[in-house]
Amino acid sequence: MIPEGREGLRGGNTNESKQQEQVSREDILTDSLGLMERLEKRKQLDINFKGEVGTGLGPTYEFFTLLAECIQNAKDAKGNKLWIVSSDDGCLFPSPVDAKSLTE
């Protein structure tokens, strides 16, 4: 028996426990920043891409994969990559920054 008023906490995916958002594949990084500002606690994120029919876990997983790729390939204002990929295991490490470049 579920206590009154706690039906959505059982693990079922009711509409009240989901936050549906729409993002653009072409501008995924900017759209994700706006999404993070609107994100509600304790709600399952349900992503769909603009102009596409799919919804649910598939597009949501794809969104996080594409977002991770954007972050991995990010560059600073001078065009330098922000991350170094380890050749051994593929782990990411911050790129070293020349202290002189920070004051320019």
Protein backbone atom coordinates (compact mmCIF):
# COMPACT_ATOMS: atom_id res chain seq x y z
CA MET A 1 0.00 0.00 0.00
CA ILE A 2 1.37 3.40 -1.00
CA PRO A 3 0.88 6.25 1.49
CA GLU A 4 -1.59 8.87 0.31
CA GLY A 5 -0.02 11.60 -1.83
CA ARG A 6 3.10 9.54 -2.62
CA GLU A 7 1.89 7.58 -5.65
CA GLY A 8 4.50 9.10 -8.00
CA LEU A 9 7.39 8.05 -5.75
CA ARG A 10 6.86 4.34 -6.17
CA GLY A 11 8.97 4.21 -9.30
CA GLY A 12 6.13 4.36 -11.77
CA ASN A 13 6.55 6.90 -14.53
CA THR A 14 3.48 9.04 -14.20
CA ASN A 15 3.29 12.29 -16.14
CA GLU A 16 3.70 14.17 -12.85
CA SER A 17 7.09 12.53 -12.25
CA LYS A 18 8.47 13.43 -15.71
CA GLN A 19 9.84 16.68 -17.04
CA GLN A 20 9.53 16.76 -20.80
CA GLU A 21 11.94 19.01 -22.68
CA GLN A 22 12.64 19.61 -26.34
CA VAL A 23 16.15 20.35 -27.64
CA SER A 24 17.75 21.04 -30.99
CA ARG A 25 20.44 18.70 -32.32
CA GLU A 26 22.14 21.67 -34.00
CA ASP A 27 22.41 23.72 -30.80
CA ILE A 28 22.56 21.05 -28.12
CA LEU A 29 25.03 22.84 -25.83
CA THR A 30 23.05 26.10 -25.67
CA ASP A 31 19.74 24.26 -25.29
CA SER A 32 21.16 22.11 -22.49
CA LEU A 33 22.29 25.19 -20.55
CA GLY A 34 18.74 26.57 -20.66
CA LEU A 35 17.39 23.16 -19.71
CA MET A 36 19.64 22.99 -16.64
CA GLU A 37 18.16 26.29 -15.43
CA ARG A 38 14.62 24.87 -15.74
CA LEU A 39 15.39 21.41 -14.35
CA GLU A 40 13.14 20.34 -11.49
CA LYS A 41 14.32 18.10 -8.68
CA ARG A 42 12.94 14.59 -8.39
CA LYS A 43 11.58 14.52 -11.92
CA GLN A 44 12.70 12.15 -14.62
CA LEU A 45 14.01 14.04 -17.62
CA ASP A 46 12.33 13.03 -20.88
CA ILE A 47 14.03 14.54 -23.94
CA ASN A 48 12.80 14.78 -27.48
CA PHE A 49 14.55 16.47 -30.38
CA LYS A 50 12.88 19.30 -32.30
CA GLY A 51 11.29 18.08 -35.51
CA GLU A 52 11.49 14.41 -34.48
CA VAL A 53 8.81 12.03 -33.26
CA GLY A 54 10.84 9.88 -30.83
CA THR A 55 10.51 10.29 -27.09
CA GLY A 56 11.47 8.33 -23.99
CA LEU A 57 14.73 6.76 -22.89
CA GLY A 58 16.28 6.40 -26.37
CA PRO A 59 16.33 10.13 -27.23
CA THR A 60 17.18 10.99 -23.61
CA TYR A 61 20.26 8.72 -23.64
CA GLU A 62 21.23 10.09 -27.05
CA PHE A 63 20.92 13.65 -25.71
CA PHE A 64 23.39 12.92 -22.89
CA THR A 65 25.76 11.17 -25.31
CA LEU A 66 25.73 14.12 -27.72
CA LEU A 67 26.15 16.59 -24.85
CA ALA A 68 29.15 14.64 -23.51
CA GLU A 69 30.72 14.72 -26.98
CA CYS A 70 30.21 18.50 -27.16
CA ILE A 71 31.90 18.95 -23.79
CA GLN A 72 34.73 16.58 -24.73
CA ASN A 73 35.42 18.50 -27.96
CA ALA A 74 34.99 21.98 -26.44
CA LYS A 75 37.58 24.65 -27.25
CA ASP A 76 38.52 27.89 -25.54
CA ALA A 77 38.29 31.35 -27.16
CA LYS A 78 41.67 30.81 -28.86
CA GLY A 79 40.64 27.47 -30.35
CA ASN A 80 42.62 25.28 -27.95
CA LYS A 81 40.98 22.05 -26.83
CA LEU A 82 39.92 22.11 -23.18
CA TRP A 83 40.51 18.38 -22.67
CA ILE A 84 43.24 15.86 -23.45
CA VAL A 85 42.14 12.30 -24.15
CA SER A 86 44.39 9.65 -22.63
CA SER A 87 45.69 7.25 -25.26
CA ASP A 88 45.71 4.39 -22.74
CA ASP A 89 42.12 4.32 -21.55
CA GLY A 90 40.32 7.24 -23.19
CA CYS A 91 39.94 9.20 -19.94
CA LEU A 92 39.71 12.99 -20.16
CA PHE A 93 42.16 15.32 -18.46
CA PRO A 94 42.13 19.14 -18.45
CA SER A 95 44.50 20.64 -21.01
CA PRO A 96 47.39 22.55 -19.47
CA VAL A 97 47.05 26.31 -19.68
CA ASP A 98 49.98 28.66 -20.03
CA ALA A 99 49.78 31.18 -17.16
CA LYS A 100 50.83 33.99 -19.54
CA SER A 101 47.79 33.32 -21.74
CA LEU A 102 45.47 34.04 -18.82
CA THR A 103 46.63 37.66 -18.58
CA GLU A 104 46.47 38.39 -22.32
